[in-house]
Amino acid sequence: MSEDSKAIEETAKAIGKGIDVADKVGTFIAPLIKGSLEQGIGIFEDKLKYARWERQVRLMCRATEFMKKCGITEVINPIPLKFAVPLLQGASLEDDDELQDLWAKLLVNAISNKGIELRRVYIDILERLSPLEAKIIDKIYSIPFNENQHKFLVTYLLPDNMEVITEGKSETDYPRLSNKDIEMALIDLARIGCISPMRSIGGGEIYSFINLTHLGNNFHEACTL
C-alpha cells in the first residue's frame, strides 16, 4: 500500500471515530430530552460552539481592557499568521480566567512597541500551564532576575511565598519541600524549561531548591503588563 493510500485510510478511520463519538453523545442526550439522535448531537455541538464563542468574547474584552490600560490605541506590530492562529486558538480554548488573562496579556504585548518578541515557545508553555504552575511562575519571577539568576530559591513556602538562599546560609538551613502538588508542578515547569532544579551528587533532581532560567524569565515578562 502506498503512503498516500495509507494516509487516506487513516483519515477515513479518524473521521469514522469522530462520527462514532458524536453518535454516542447524541444517543446519550436524546432520551434525556425525549428527542431524536439528530437533536441530541445538535445540542452537544451547539453547546461546544457556545462555550468557544463565550471564551472568545471574554478574550476580546480582556485584551481590549489591557490595551487601554497600556495606552495602546492601535496595533503597532501585527502578529504573523503562523503565531496568530495558535495563539488565538489556544486562548479561546482556555477555560480558566486567570490563565486566559495571561493569553490576553501575551497578545497585547505582542502587538505593542514594548520590545517583546512573540515566540512560539511562549504559546507552547501557556498551552501546558495549570493554574498552580502559573501562580508559581508569577511568584518566583517577581524578584529581580539579574540579581538572583545564579542563586537557589527555596520552594517549601510555594505557591504563596518563597525565599532566596542568602549569603552565609546553606541548603541544610531550610526545610525540604513536602507538598507533592507543588513538587509535581515544579517537575512540569522544569520539563518546559521555566525553572532548573538543584542536582544531587549522583545527578538526581532536588525540587526543594531551584534556579531561575532565562526562558522562564522571558516568558513571565511576555505575559506581564
N, C-alpha and C. Protein backbone atom coordinates (compact mmCIF):
# COMPACT_ATOMS: atom_id res chain seq x y z
N MET A 1 0.84 -1.20 0.00
CA MET A 1 0.00 0.00 0.00
C MET A 1 0.87 1.25 0.00
N SER A 2 0.57 2.24 -0.86
CA SER A 2 1.37 3.45 -0.95
C SER A 2 1.14 4.32 0.27
N GLU A 3 2.07 5.29 0.45
CA GLU A 3 1.95 6.21 1.59
C GLU A 3 0.66 7.02 1.49
N ASP A 4 0.31 7.45 0.26
CA ASP A 4 -0.93 8.22 0.07
C ASP A 4 -2.15 7.40 0.45
N SER A 5 -2.14 6.13 0.07
CA SER A 5 -3.27 5.26 0.39
C SER A 5 -3.40 5.06 1.89
N LYS A 6 -2.25 4.90 2.54
CA LYS A 6 -2.26 4.74 3.99
C LYS A 6 -2.81 5.99 4.67
N ALA A 7 -2.40 7.15 4.18
CA ALA A 7 -2.86 8.41 4.75
C ALA A 7 -4.36 8.56 4.60
N ILE A 8 -4.88 8.21 3.41
CA ILE A 8 -6.32 8.29 3.16
C ILE A 8 -7.08 7.35 4.08
N GLU A 9 -6.52 6.14 4.24
CA GLU A 9 -7.16 5.15 5.11
C GLU A 9 -7.19 5.61 6.56
N GLU A 10 -6.08 6.19 7.03
CA GLU A 10 -6.02 6.69 8.42
C GLU A 10 -6.98 7.85 8.62
N THR A 11 -7.08 8.71 7.63
CA THR A 11 -8.01 9.84 7.72
C THR A 11 -9.44 9.35 7.80
N ALA A 12 -9.76 8.35 6.98
CA ALA A 12 -11.10 7.78 7.00
C ALA A 12 -11.43 7.18 8.36
N LYS A 13 -10.43 6.49 8.93
CA LYS A 13 -10.63 5.90 10.26
C LYS A 13 -10.89 6.98 11.30
N ALA A 14 -10.12 8.07 11.23
CA ALA A 14 -10.28 9.17 12.19
C ALA A 14 -11.65 9.80 12.08
N ILE A 15 -12.09 10.01 10.82
CA ILE A 15 -13.43 10.58 10.61
C ILE A 15 -14.49 9.65 11.15
N GLY A 16 -14.29 8.34 10.90
CA GLY A 16 -15.24 7.36 11.40
C GLY A 16 -15.34 7.37 12.91
N LYS A 17 -14.19 7.50 13.58
CA LYS A 17 -14.18 7.57 15.04
C LYS A 17 -14.91 8.81 15.53
N GLY A 18 -14.70 9.93 14.82
CA GLY A 18 -15.37 11.17 15.20
C GLY A 18 -16.88 11.04 15.08
N ILE A 19 -17.34 10.40 14.01
CA ILE A 19 -18.77 10.18 13.81
C ILE A 19 -19.32 9.26 14.90
N ASP A 20 -18.55 8.21 15.24
CA ASP A 20 -18.97 7.29 16.30
C ASP A 20 -19.15 8.02 17.63
N VAL A 21 -18.19 8.89 17.97
CA VAL A 21 -18.27 9.64 19.22
C VAL A 21 -19.50 10.53 19.22
N ALA A 22 -19.72 11.25 18.11
CA ALA A 22 -20.89 12.14 18.02
C ALA A 22 -22.18 11.34 18.16
N ASP A 23 -22.22 10.16 17.52
CA ASP A 23 -23.42 9.31 17.62
C ASP A 23 -23.66 8.86 19.05
N LYS A 24 -22.57 8.49 19.74
CA LYS A 24 -22.71 8.03 21.12
C LYS A 24 -23.22 9.16 22.02
N VAL A 25 -22.65 10.36 21.83
CA VAL A 25 -23.10 11.51 22.62
C VAL A 25 -24.57 11.80 22.33
N GLY A 26 -24.91 11.79 21.03
CA GLY A 26 -26.30 12.04 20.65
C GLY A 26 -27.24 11.00 21.22
N THR A 27 -26.82 9.73 21.18
CA THR A 27 -27.63 8.65 21.73
C THR A 27 -27.84 8.82 23.23
N PHE A 28 -26.83 9.33 23.92
CA PHE A 28 -26.93 9.56 25.36
C PHE A 28 -27.88 10.71 25.67
N ILE A 29 -27.76 11.81 24.88
CA ILE A 29 -28.55 13.01 25.17
C ILE A 29 -30.00 12.86 24.73
N ALA A 30 -30.23 12.18 23.60
CA ALA A 30 -31.57 12.09 23.01
C ALA A 30 -32.65 11.65 23.99
N PRO A 31 -32.47 10.54 24.72
CA PRO A 31 -33.54 10.14 25.65
C PRO A 31 -33.71 11.09 26.82
N LEU A 32 -32.66 11.81 27.14
CA LEU A 32 -32.77 12.76 28.25
C LEU A 32 -33.72 13.90 27.91
N ILE A 33 -33.80 14.23 26.62
CA ILE A 33 -34.66 15.34 26.20
C ILE A 33 -35.89 14.84 25.43
N LYS A 34 -36.04 13.51 25.38
CA LYS A 34 -37.13 12.89 24.63
C LYS A 34 -37.12 13.37 23.18
N GLY A 35 -35.94 13.38 22.60
CA GLY A 35 -35.80 13.84 21.23
C GLY A 35 -35.09 12.82 20.38
N SER A 36 -34.76 13.23 19.16
CA SER A 36 -34.12 12.34 18.20
C SER A 36 -32.60 12.35 18.40
N LEU A 37 -31.95 11.42 17.72
CA LEU A 37 -30.48 11.36 17.74
C LEU A 37 -29.91 12.66 17.19
N GLU A 38 -30.51 13.16 16.11
CA GLU A 38 -30.02 14.40 15.49
C GLU A 38 -30.13 15.58 16.46
N GLN A 39 -31.21 15.64 17.24
CA GLN A 39 -31.39 16.71 18.22
C GLN A 39 -30.33 16.61 19.32
N GLY A 40 -30.05 15.37 19.74
CA GLY A 40 -29.05 15.16 20.79
C GLY A 40 -27.67 15.61 20.34
N ILE A 41 -27.28 15.22 19.11
CA ILE A 41 -25.99 15.64 18.57
C ILE A 41 -25.94 17.15 18.42
N GLY A 42 -27.04 17.72 17.95
CA GLY A 42 -27.09 19.17 17.75
C GLY A 42 -26.91 19.95 19.03
N ILE A 43 -27.53 19.49 20.12
CA ILE A 43 -27.38 20.17 21.41
C ILE A 43 -25.94 20.13 21.87
N PHE A 44 -25.30 18.97 21.73
CA PHE A 44 -23.90 18.81 22.12
C PHE A 44 -23.00 19.76 21.32
N GLU A 45 -23.18 19.78 20.00
CA GLU A 45 -22.35 20.62 19.15
C GLU A 45 -22.61 22.10 19.41
N ASP A 46 -23.88 22.46 19.62
CA ASP A 46 -24.22 23.86 19.89
C ASP A 46 -23.60 24.34 21.20
N LYS A 47 -23.60 23.45 22.20
CA LYS A 47 -23.01 23.81 23.49
C LYS A 47 -21.52 24.07 23.34
N LEU A 48 -20.82 23.22 22.58
CA LEU A 48 -19.40 23.42 22.36
C LEU A 48 -19.14 24.73 21.62
N LYS A 49 -19.95 25.01 20.63
CA LYS A 49 -19.79 26.25 19.87
C LYS A 49 -20.04 27.46 20.78
N TYR A 50 -21.06 27.37 21.63
CA TYR A 50 -21.36 28.49 22.51
C TYR A 50 -20.24 28.70 23.53
N ALA A 51 -19.74 27.59 24.08
CA ALA A 51 -18.66 27.70 25.06
C ALA A 51 -17.43 28.34 24.42
N ARG A 52 -17.10 27.94 23.20
CA ARG A 52 -15.96 28.51 22.49
C ARG A 52 -16.20 29.99 22.21
N TRP A 53 -17.42 30.33 21.77
CA TRP A 53 -17.76 31.73 21.49
C TRP A 53 -17.65 32.58 22.76
N GLU A 54 -18.13 32.02 23.86
CA GLU A 54 -18.10 32.73 25.14
C GLU A 54 -16.66 33.06 25.54
N ARG A 55 -15.76 32.11 25.36
CA ARG A 55 -14.35 32.33 25.71
C ARG A 55 -13.70 33.31 24.73
N GLN A 56 -14.11 33.29 23.48
CA GLN A 56 -13.58 34.23 22.50
C GLN A 56 -13.98 35.66 22.85
N VAL A 57 -15.23 35.82 23.27
CA VAL A 57 -15.73 37.14 23.65
C VAL A 57 -14.97 37.66 24.87
N ARG A 58 -14.76 36.78 25.85
CA ARG A 58 -14.03 37.20 27.05
C ARG A 58 -12.60 37.60 26.70
N LEU A 59 -11.96 36.82 25.84
CA LEU A 59 -10.60 37.15 25.42
C LEU A 59 -10.56 38.52 24.77
N MET A 60 -11.51 38.80 23.88
CA MET A 60 -11.55 40.09 23.21
C MET A 60 -11.73 41.23 24.21
N CYS A 61 -12.62 41.04 25.17
CA CYS A 61 -12.88 42.07 26.18
C CYS A 61 -11.65 42.33 27.05
N ARG A 62 -11.01 41.26 27.49
CA ARG A 62 -9.84 41.41 28.36
C ARG A 62 -8.67 42.03 27.61
N ALA A 63 -8.46 41.61 26.38
CA ALA A 63 -7.37 42.18 25.58
C ALA A 63 -7.62 43.67 25.35
N THR A 64 -8.87 44.04 25.11
CA THR A 64 -9.21 45.46 24.91
C THR A 64 -8.95 46.26 26.19
N GLU A 65 -9.32 45.67 27.33
CA GLU A 65 -9.07 46.34 28.62
C GLU A 65 -7.57 46.55 28.85
N PHE A 66 -6.79 45.53 28.55
CA PHE A 66 -5.34 45.62 28.75
C PHE A 66 -4.71 46.63 27.79
N MET A 67 -5.24 46.70 26.57
CA MET A 67 -4.73 47.68 25.62
C MET A 67 -4.98 49.11 26.12
N LYS A 68 -6.16 49.33 26.65
CA LYS A 68 -6.49 50.65 27.20
C LYS A 68 -5.59 50.97 28.39
N LYS A 69 -5.36 49.96 29.24
CA LYS A 69 -4.51 50.13 30.41
C LYS A 69 -3.09 50.53 30.01
N CYS A 70 -2.63 49.99 28.89
CA CYS A 70 -1.27 50.27 28.41
C CYS A 70 -1.22 51.48 27.48
N GLY A 71 -2.36 52.09 27.22
CA GLY A 71 -2.39 53.24 26.34
C GLY A 71 -2.22 52.89 24.88
N ILE A 72 -2.56 51.67 24.50
CA ILE A 72 -2.42 51.23 23.11
C ILE A 72 -3.73 51.50 22.38
N THR A 73 -3.66 52.32 21.35
CA THR A 73 -4.86 52.67 20.60
C THR A 73 -4.89 52.03 19.21
N GLU A 74 -3.77 51.45 18.82
CA GLU A 74 -3.71 50.79 17.52
C GLU A 74 -2.69 49.66 17.55
N VAL A 75 -2.85 48.75 16.61
CA VAL A 75 -1.91 47.63 16.51
C VAL A 75 -0.62 48.13 15.86
N ILE A 76 0.45 48.12 16.65
CA ILE A 76 1.73 48.61 16.16
C ILE A 76 2.50 47.52 15.43
N ASN A 77 2.46 46.32 15.98
CA ASN A 77 3.18 45.19 15.38
C ASN A 77 2.20 44.06 15.09
N PRO A 78 1.67 43.99 13.88
CA PRO A 78 0.76 42.88 13.55
C PRO A 78 1.43 41.53 13.79
N ILE A 79 0.67 40.57 14.26
CA ILE A 79 1.21 39.25 14.58
C ILE A 79 1.26 38.39 13.32
N PRO A 80 2.40 37.79 13.01
CA PRO A 80 2.47 36.88 11.86
C PRO A 80 1.45 35.76 11.99
N LEU A 81 0.89 35.35 10.87
CA LEU A 81 -0.18 34.36 10.87
C LEU A 81 0.23 33.06 11.55
N LYS A 82 1.50 32.67 11.40
CA LYS A 82 1.96 31.40 11.98
C LYS A 82 1.93 31.43 13.50
N PHE A 83 1.94 32.65 14.09
CA PHE A 83 1.81 32.79 15.53
C PHE A 83 0.37 33.13 15.93
N ALA A 84 -0.31 33.92 15.09
CA ALA A 84 -1.65 34.39 15.42
C ALA A 84 -2.64 33.24 15.55
N VAL A 85 -2.56 32.28 14.63
CA VAL A 85 -3.53 31.17 14.63
C VAL A 85 -3.42 30.33 15.90
N PRO A 86 -2.23 29.80 16.27
CA PRO A 86 -2.16 29.01 17.51
C PRO A 86 -2.41 29.84 18.76
N LEU A 87 -2.04 31.12 18.74
CA LEU A 87 -2.27 31.97 19.91
C LEU A 87 -3.77 32.16 20.14
N LEU A 88 -4.50 32.55 19.12
CA LEU A 88 -5.93 32.79 19.25
C LEU A 88 -6.68 31.50 19.53
N GLN A 89 -6.23 30.41 18.93
CA GLN A 89 -6.89 29.12 19.18
C GLN A 89 -6.69 28.67 20.62
N GLY A 90 -5.44 28.76 21.09
CA GLY A 90 -5.17 28.35 22.47
C GLY A 90 -5.89 29.24 23.46
N ALA A 91 -5.93 30.53 23.20
CA ALA A 91 -6.58 31.47 24.11
C ALA A 91 -8.08 31.24 24.19
N SER A 92 -8.70 30.90 23.06
CA SER A 92 -10.14 30.70 23.05
C SER A 92 -10.56 29.36 23.62
N LEU A 93 -9.61 28.42 23.73
CA LEU A 93 -9.90 27.11 24.34
C LEU A 93 -9.65 27.11 25.84
N GLU A 94 -8.98 28.13 26.36
CA GLU A 94 -8.64 28.18 27.79
C GLU A 94 -9.89 28.52 28.60
N ASP A 95 -10.25 27.63 29.53
CA ASP A 95 -11.46 27.87 30.32
C ASP A 95 -11.18 28.40 31.71
N ASP A 96 -9.92 28.61 32.05
CA ASP A 96 -9.57 29.22 33.34
C ASP A 96 -9.34 30.72 33.11
N ASP A 97 -10.05 31.57 33.84
CA ASP A 97 -9.98 33.01 33.60
C ASP A 97 -8.59 33.59 33.82
N GLU A 98 -7.91 33.16 34.89
CA GLU A 98 -6.58 33.72 35.16
C GLU A 98 -5.58 33.31 34.08
N LEU A 99 -5.68 32.09 33.61
CA LEU A 99 -4.80 31.65 32.53
C LEU A 99 -5.14 32.37 31.23
N GLN A 100 -6.43 32.56 30.97
CA GLN A 100 -6.80 33.27 29.75
C GLN A 100 -6.32 34.72 29.79
N ASP A 101 -6.26 35.30 30.98
CA ASP A 101 -5.70 36.65 31.10
C ASP A 101 -4.24 36.69 30.67
N LEU A 102 -3.50 35.61 30.95
CA LEU A 102 -2.11 35.54 30.50
C LEU A 102 -2.03 35.51 28.98
N TRP A 103 -2.94 34.78 28.36
CA TRP A 103 -3.01 34.76 26.89
C TRP A 103 -3.28 36.16 26.37
N ALA A 104 -4.23 36.86 27.01
CA ALA A 104 -4.59 38.21 26.56
C ALA A 104 -3.41 39.16 26.72
N LYS A 105 -2.67 39.04 27.82
CA LYS A 105 -1.51 39.90 28.04
C LYS A 105 -0.40 39.60 27.02
N LEU A 106 -0.21 38.32 26.71
CA LEU A 106 0.78 37.96 25.70
C LEU A 106 0.39 38.57 24.35
N LEU A 107 -0.89 38.52 24.04
CA LEU A 107 -1.39 39.09 22.80
C LEU A 107 -1.13 40.60 22.74
N VAL A 108 -1.45 41.30 23.83
CA VAL A 108 -1.27 42.75 23.88
C VAL A 108 0.20 43.12 23.79
N ASN A 109 1.04 42.41 24.51
CA ASN A 109 2.48 42.68 24.44
C ASN A 109 3.04 42.45 23.04
N ALA A 110 2.49 41.45 22.35
CA ALA A 110 2.99 41.11 21.02
C ALA A 110 2.70 42.20 20.00
N ILE A 111 1.58 42.92 20.17
CA ILE A 111 1.21 43.94 19.19
C ILE A 111 1.69 45.33 19.59
N SER A 112 2.31 45.45 20.76
CA SER A 112 2.75 46.75 21.26
C SER A 112 4.19 47.03 20.82
N ASN A 113 4.70 48.17 21.24
CA ASN A 113 6.10 48.51 20.96
C ASN A 113 6.95 48.33 22.21
N LYS A 114 6.55 47.38 23.04
CA LYS A 114 7.23 47.16 24.32
C LYS A 114 8.59 46.48 24.14
N GLY A 115 8.85 45.99 22.95
CA GLY A 115 10.13 45.33 22.68
C GLY A 115 10.13 43.86 23.00
N ILE A 116 8.94 43.28 23.21
CA ILE A 116 8.83 41.85 23.49
C ILE A 116 8.54 41.11 22.19
N GLU A 117 9.41 40.19 21.83
CA GLU A 117 9.23 39.40 20.60
C GLU A 117 8.40 38.16 20.90
N LEU A 118 7.31 38.01 20.17
CA LEU A 118 6.46 36.83 20.35
C LEU A 118 7.18 35.60 19.81
N ARG A 119 7.28 34.58 20.63
CA ARG A 119 7.92 33.33 20.22
C ARG A 119 6.94 32.17 20.38
N ARG A 120 7.08 31.19 19.51
CA ARG A 120 6.18 30.04 19.56
C ARG A 120 6.28 29.31 20.88
N VAL A 121 7.47 29.32 21.49
CA VAL A 121 7.66 28.60 22.74
C VAL A 121 6.79 29.18 23.85
N TYR A 122 6.49 30.49 23.80
CA TYR A 122 5.61 31.09 24.81
C TYR A 122 4.19 30.52 24.69
N ILE A 123 3.75 30.32 23.46
CA ILE A 123 2.43 29.73 23.23
C ILE A 123 2.42 28.29 23.71
N ASP A 124 3.49 27.56 23.42
CA ASP A 124 3.59 26.16 23.86
C ASP A 124 3.53 26.06 25.38
N ILE A 125 4.23 26.97 26.06
CA ILE A 125 4.24 26.95 27.53
C ILE A 125 2.84 27.23 28.07
N LEU A 126 2.18 28.26 27.53
CA LEU A 126 0.85 28.61 28.01
C LEU A 126 -0.15 27.47 27.82
N GLU A 127 -0.01 26.73 26.72
CA GLU A 127 -0.91 25.61 26.47
C GLU A 127 -0.77 24.52 27.52
N ARG A 128 0.40 24.46 28.16
CA ARG A 128 0.68 23.38 29.10
C ARG A 128 0.51 23.77 30.57
N LEU A 129 0.38 25.06 30.83
CA LEU A 129 0.35 25.52 32.22
C LEU A 129 -0.97 25.20 32.92
N SER A 130 -0.86 24.79 34.19
CA SER A 130 -2.02 24.70 35.06
C SER A 130 -2.10 25.99 35.86
N PRO A 131 -3.25 26.27 36.48
CA PRO A 131 -3.35 27.48 37.31
C PRO A 131 -2.29 27.52 38.41
N LEU A 132 -2.01 26.39 39.03
CA LEU A 132 -0.99 26.34 40.09
C LEU A 132 0.38 26.67 39.53
N GLU A 133 0.72 26.11 38.39
CA GLU A 133 2.03 26.37 37.78
C GLU A 133 2.18 27.84 37.40
N ALA A 134 1.09 28.43 36.90
CA ALA A 134 1.13 29.86 36.55
C ALA A 134 1.35 30.71 37.79
N LYS A 135 0.73 30.33 38.89
CA LYS A 135 0.90 31.07 40.14
C LYS A 135 2.34 30.97 40.63
N ILE A 136 2.93 29.79 40.51
CA ILE A 136 4.32 29.60 40.93
C ILE A 136 5.26 30.44 40.07
N ILE A 137 5.07 30.44 38.76
CA ILE A 137 5.91 31.24 37.88
C ILE A 137 5.84 32.71 38.26
N ASP A 138 4.62 33.18 38.51
CA ASP A 138 4.46 34.59 38.85
C ASP A 138 5.17 34.93 40.16
N LYS A 139 5.13 34.00 41.10
CA LYS A 139 5.76 34.25 42.40
C LYS A 139 7.29 34.24 42.28
N ILE A 140 7.85 33.24 41.64
CA ILE A 140 9.32 33.12 41.64
C ILE A 140 9.98 34.15 40.72
N TYR A 141 9.25 34.63 39.70
CA TYR A 141 9.85 35.63 38.82
C TYR A 141 9.44 37.06 39.19
N SER A 142 8.88 37.20 40.39
CA SER A 142 8.56 38.54 40.90
C SER A 142 9.81 39.22 41.47
N ILE A 143 10.88 38.45 41.67
CA ILE A 143 12.13 39.02 42.19
C ILE A 143 13.02 39.42 41.02
N PRO A 144 13.95 40.37 41.21
CA PRO A 144 14.83 40.80 40.13
C PRO A 144 15.63 39.62 39.57
N PHE A 145 15.50 39.38 38.28
CA PHE A 145 16.14 38.21 37.66
C PHE A 145 17.66 38.32 37.68
N ASN A 146 18.19 39.46 37.25
CA ASN A 146 19.63 39.62 37.13
C ASN A 146 20.36 39.45 38.46
N GLU A 147 19.70 39.83 39.54
CA GLU A 147 20.33 39.72 40.86
C GLU A 147 20.25 38.31 41.43
N ASN A 148 19.34 37.50 40.91
CA ASN A 148 19.09 36.21 41.55
C ASN A 148 19.20 35.00 40.62
N GLN A 149 19.62 35.20 39.38
CA GLN A 149 19.62 34.08 38.44
C GLN A 149 20.62 32.98 38.80
N HIS A 150 21.64 33.31 39.58
CA HIS A 150 22.64 32.30 39.94
C HIS A 150 22.47 31.83 41.40
N LYS A 151 21.38 32.23 42.02
CA LYS A 151 21.11 31.82 43.40
C LYS A 151 20.03 30.74 43.43
N PHE A 152 20.03 29.95 44.50
CA PHE A 152 18.99 28.95 44.65
C PHE A 152 17.79 29.54 45.39
N LEU A 153 16.60 29.20 44.91
CA LEU A 153 15.37 29.60 45.57
C LEU A 153 14.85 28.42 46.38
N VAL A 154 14.34 28.71 47.57
CA VAL A 154 13.79 27.69 48.45
C VAL A 154 12.29 27.57 48.16
N THR A 155 11.80 26.34 47.98
CA THR A 155 10.44 26.16 47.45
C THR A 155 9.39 25.72 48.47
N TYR A 156 9.77 25.45 49.71
CA TYR A 156 8.81 24.85 50.63
C TYR A 156 7.65 25.77 50.98
N LEU A 157 7.79 27.08 50.71
CA LEU A 157 6.73 28.04 51.01
C LEU A 157 5.82 28.33 49.81
N LEU A 158 6.15 27.78 48.65
CA LEU A 158 5.33 28.00 47.46
C LEU A 158 3.95 27.36 47.62
N PRO A 159 2.90 27.93 46.99
CA PRO A 159 2.97 28.96 45.93
C PRO A 159 2.83 30.40 46.44
N ASP A 160 2.58 30.58 47.72
CA ASP A 160 2.31 31.93 48.21
C ASP A 160 3.57 32.72 48.54
N ASN A 161 4.63 32.02 48.92
CA ASN A 161 5.89 32.69 49.27
C ASN A 161 7.07 31.84 48.83
N MET A 162 8.23 32.46 48.77
CA MET A 162 9.47 31.72 48.51
C MET A 162 10.64 32.55 49.03
N GLU A 163 11.77 31.90 49.21
CA GLU A 163 12.96 32.57 49.72
C GLU A 163 14.14 32.32 48.80
N VAL A 164 15.08 33.23 48.85
CA VAL A 164 16.36 33.05 48.16
C VAL A 164 17.39 32.70 49.22
N ILE A 165 18.18 31.67 48.97
CA ILE A 165 19.24 31.31 49.92
C ILE A 165 20.21 32.48 50.03
N THR A 166 20.29 33.04 51.20
CA THR A 166 21.12 34.23 51.40
C THR A 166 22.56 33.84 51.75
N GLU A 167 23.44 34.81 51.59
CA GLU A 167 24.85 34.57 51.86
C GLU A 167 25.04 34.19 53.33
N GLY A 168 25.86 33.19 53.56
CA GLY A 168 26.11 32.72 54.91
C GLY A 168 25.24 31.55 55.32
N LYS A 169 24.24 31.21 54.46
CA LYS A 169 23.38 30.07 54.74
C LYS A 169 23.56 29.01 53.66
N SER A 170 23.17 27.78 54.00
CA SER A 170 23.25 26.68 53.04
C SER A 170 21.91 25.96 52.99
N GLU A 171 21.82 24.95 52.12
CA GLU A 171 20.55 24.22 51.97
C GLU A 171 20.10 23.57 53.27
N THR A 172 21.04 23.18 54.10
CA THR A 172 20.69 22.49 55.35
C THR A 172 19.99 23.41 56.35
N ASP A 173 20.00 24.70 56.08
CA ASP A 173 19.35 25.65 56.99
C ASP A 173 17.86 25.82 56.68
N TYR A 174 17.38 25.15 55.64
CA TYR A 174 15.99 25.34 55.21
C TYR A 174 15.24 24.00 55.20
N PRO A 175 13.92 24.05 55.46
CA PRO A 175 13.09 22.84 55.37
C PRO A 175 13.02 22.32 53.94
N ARG A 176 12.79 21.04 53.80
CA ARG A 176 12.62 20.44 52.48
C ARG A 176 11.17 20.55 52.01
N LEU A 177 11.00 20.54 50.70
CA LEU A 177 9.66 20.57 50.12
C LEU A 177 8.95 19.26 50.40
N SER A 178 7.73 19.34 50.95
CA SER A 178 6.98 18.13 51.26
C SER A 178 5.63 18.07 50.54
N ASN A 179 5.23 19.17 49.92
CA ASN A 179 3.95 19.23 49.22
C ASN A 179 4.07 18.58 47.84
N LYS A 180 3.38 17.45 47.64
CA LYS A 180 3.51 16.70 46.38
C LYS A 180 2.93 17.46 45.19
N ASP A 181 1.87 18.24 45.42
CA ASP A 181 1.29 19.01 44.32
C ASP A 181 2.27 20.06 43.83
N ILE A 182 2.94 20.72 44.76
CA ILE A 182 3.94 21.72 44.38
C ILE A 182 5.11 21.05 43.68
N GLU A 183 5.51 19.89 44.19
CA GLU A 183 6.63 19.18 43.57
C GLU A 183 6.30 18.79 42.13
N MET A 184 5.09 18.28 41.91
CA MET A 184 4.70 17.90 40.54
C MET A 184 4.63 19.12 39.63
N ALA A 185 4.17 20.25 40.18
CA ALA A 185 4.13 21.48 39.39
C ALA A 185 5.54 21.92 39.01
N LEU A 186 6.47 21.81 39.94
CA LEU A 186 7.86 22.18 39.67
C LEU A 186 8.49 21.23 38.66
N ILE A 187 8.15 19.97 38.74
CA ILE A 187 8.65 19.00 37.76
C ILE A 187 8.19 19.38 36.35
N ASP A 188 6.91 19.75 36.23
CA ASP A 188 6.39 20.17 34.93
C ASP A 188 7.07 21.45 34.45
N LEU A 189 7.29 22.39 35.36
CA LEU A 189 7.94 23.65 34.98
C LEU A 189 9.38 23.43 34.55
N ALA A 190 10.03 22.47 35.19
CA ALA A 190 11.40 22.13 34.78
C ALA A 190 11.40 21.48 33.40
N ARG A 191 10.41 20.65 33.15
CA ARG A 191 10.32 19.95 31.86
C ARG A 191 10.16 20.92 30.70
N ILE A 192 9.46 22.04 30.92
CA ILE A 192 9.27 23.00 29.84
C ILE A 192 10.28 24.15 29.90
N GLY A 193 11.26 24.03 30.80
CA GLY A 193 12.38 24.96 30.81
C GLY A 193 12.19 26.24 31.59
N CYS A 194 11.14 26.32 32.40
CA CYS A 194 10.87 27.56 33.14
C CYS A 194 11.62 27.65 34.46
N ILE A 195 12.13 26.53 34.96
CA ILE A 195 12.98 26.51 36.15
C ILE A 195 14.03 25.43 35.95
N SER A 196 15.02 25.43 36.84
CA SER A 196 16.04 24.38 36.83
C SER A 196 16.19 23.87 38.26
N PRO A 197 16.02 22.56 38.52
CA PRO A 197 16.13 22.04 39.88
C PRO A 197 17.59 21.87 40.30
N MET A 198 17.80 21.83 41.59
CA MET A 198 19.13 21.51 42.11
C MET A 198 19.45 20.06 41.78
N ARG A 199 20.71 19.76 41.56
CA ARG A 199 21.14 18.39 41.26
C ARG A 199 21.90 17.82 42.44
N SER A 200 21.63 16.55 42.72
CA SER A 200 22.37 15.86 43.76
C SER A 200 23.73 15.44 43.21
N ILE A 201 24.59 14.94 44.07
CA ILE A 201 25.91 14.48 43.64
C ILE A 201 25.78 13.39 42.58
N GLY A 202 24.75 12.56 42.73
CA GLY A 202 24.54 11.49 41.77
C GLY A 202 23.81 11.92 40.52
N GLY A 203 23.41 13.21 40.46
CA GLY A 203 22.74 13.71 39.27
C GLY A 203 21.23 13.75 39.37
N GLY A 204 20.68 13.31 40.52
CA GLY A 204 19.23 13.34 40.72
C GLY A 204 18.71 14.76 40.90
N GLU A 205 17.43 14.95 40.63
CA GLU A 205 16.81 16.28 40.75
C GLU A 205 16.26 16.49 42.15
N ILE A 206 16.53 17.68 42.71
CA ILE A 206 16.05 18.05 44.04
C ILE A 206 15.20 19.31 43.88
N TYR A 207 13.89 19.19 44.14
CA TYR A 207 12.98 20.30 43.91
C TYR A 207 12.74 21.16 45.15
N SER A 208 13.47 20.89 46.22
CA SER A 208 13.41 21.78 47.38
C SER A 208 14.13 23.09 47.10
N PHE A 209 15.01 23.05 46.08
CA PHE A 209 15.78 24.24 45.70
C PHE A 209 15.83 24.32 44.18
N ILE A 210 15.57 25.49 43.63
CA ILE A 210 15.53 25.65 42.18
C ILE A 210 16.28 26.91 41.75
N ASN A 211 16.67 26.93 40.48
CA ASN A 211 17.24 28.13 39.86
C ASN A 211 16.24 28.72 38.87
N LEU A 212 16.35 30.02 38.69
CA LEU A 212 15.60 30.68 37.64
C LEU A 212 16.26 30.36 36.29
N THR A 213 15.50 30.52 35.20
CA THR A 213 16.07 30.32 33.86
C THR A 213 15.73 31.53 32.99
N HIS A 214 16.53 31.73 31.96
CA HIS A 214 16.25 32.83 31.03
C HIS A 214 14.91 32.65 30.34
N LEU A 215 14.58 31.40 29.96
CA LEU A 215 13.31 31.14 29.30
C LEU A 215 12.15 31.48 30.23
N GLY A 216 12.23 31.05 31.48
CA GLY A 216 11.17 31.33 32.44
C GLY A 216 10.99 32.83 32.64
N ASN A 217 12.09 33.55 32.76
CA ASN A 217 12.02 35.00 32.96
C ASN A 217 11.45 35.70 31.73
N ASN A 218 11.90 35.31 30.55
CA ASN A 218 11.40 35.92 29.32
C ASN A 218 9.92 35.63 29.11
N PHE A 219 9.51 34.41 29.42
CA PHE A 219 8.09 34.06 29.30
C PHE A 219 7.26 34.89 30.26
N HIS A 220 7.72 35.03 31.51
CA HIS A 220 6.99 35.81 32.50
C HIS A 220 6.86 37.26 32.06
N GLU A 221 7.92 37.82 31.52
CA GLU A 221 7.86 39.20 31.01
C GLU A 221 6.88 39.33 29.85
N ALA A 222 6.85 38.32 28.98
CA ALA A 222 5.98 38.37 27.82
C ALA A 222 4.51 38.30 28.20
N CYS A 223 4.21 37.75 29.38
CA CYS A 223 2.81 37.60 29.83
C CYS A 223 2.47 38.56 30.97
N THR A 224 3.30 39.58 31.14
CA THR A 224 3.08 40.55 32.21
C THR A 224 3.00 41.95 31.61
N LEU A 225 2.00 42.72 32.02
CA LEU A 225 1.87 44.09 31.52
C LEU A 225 2.73 45.02 32.35
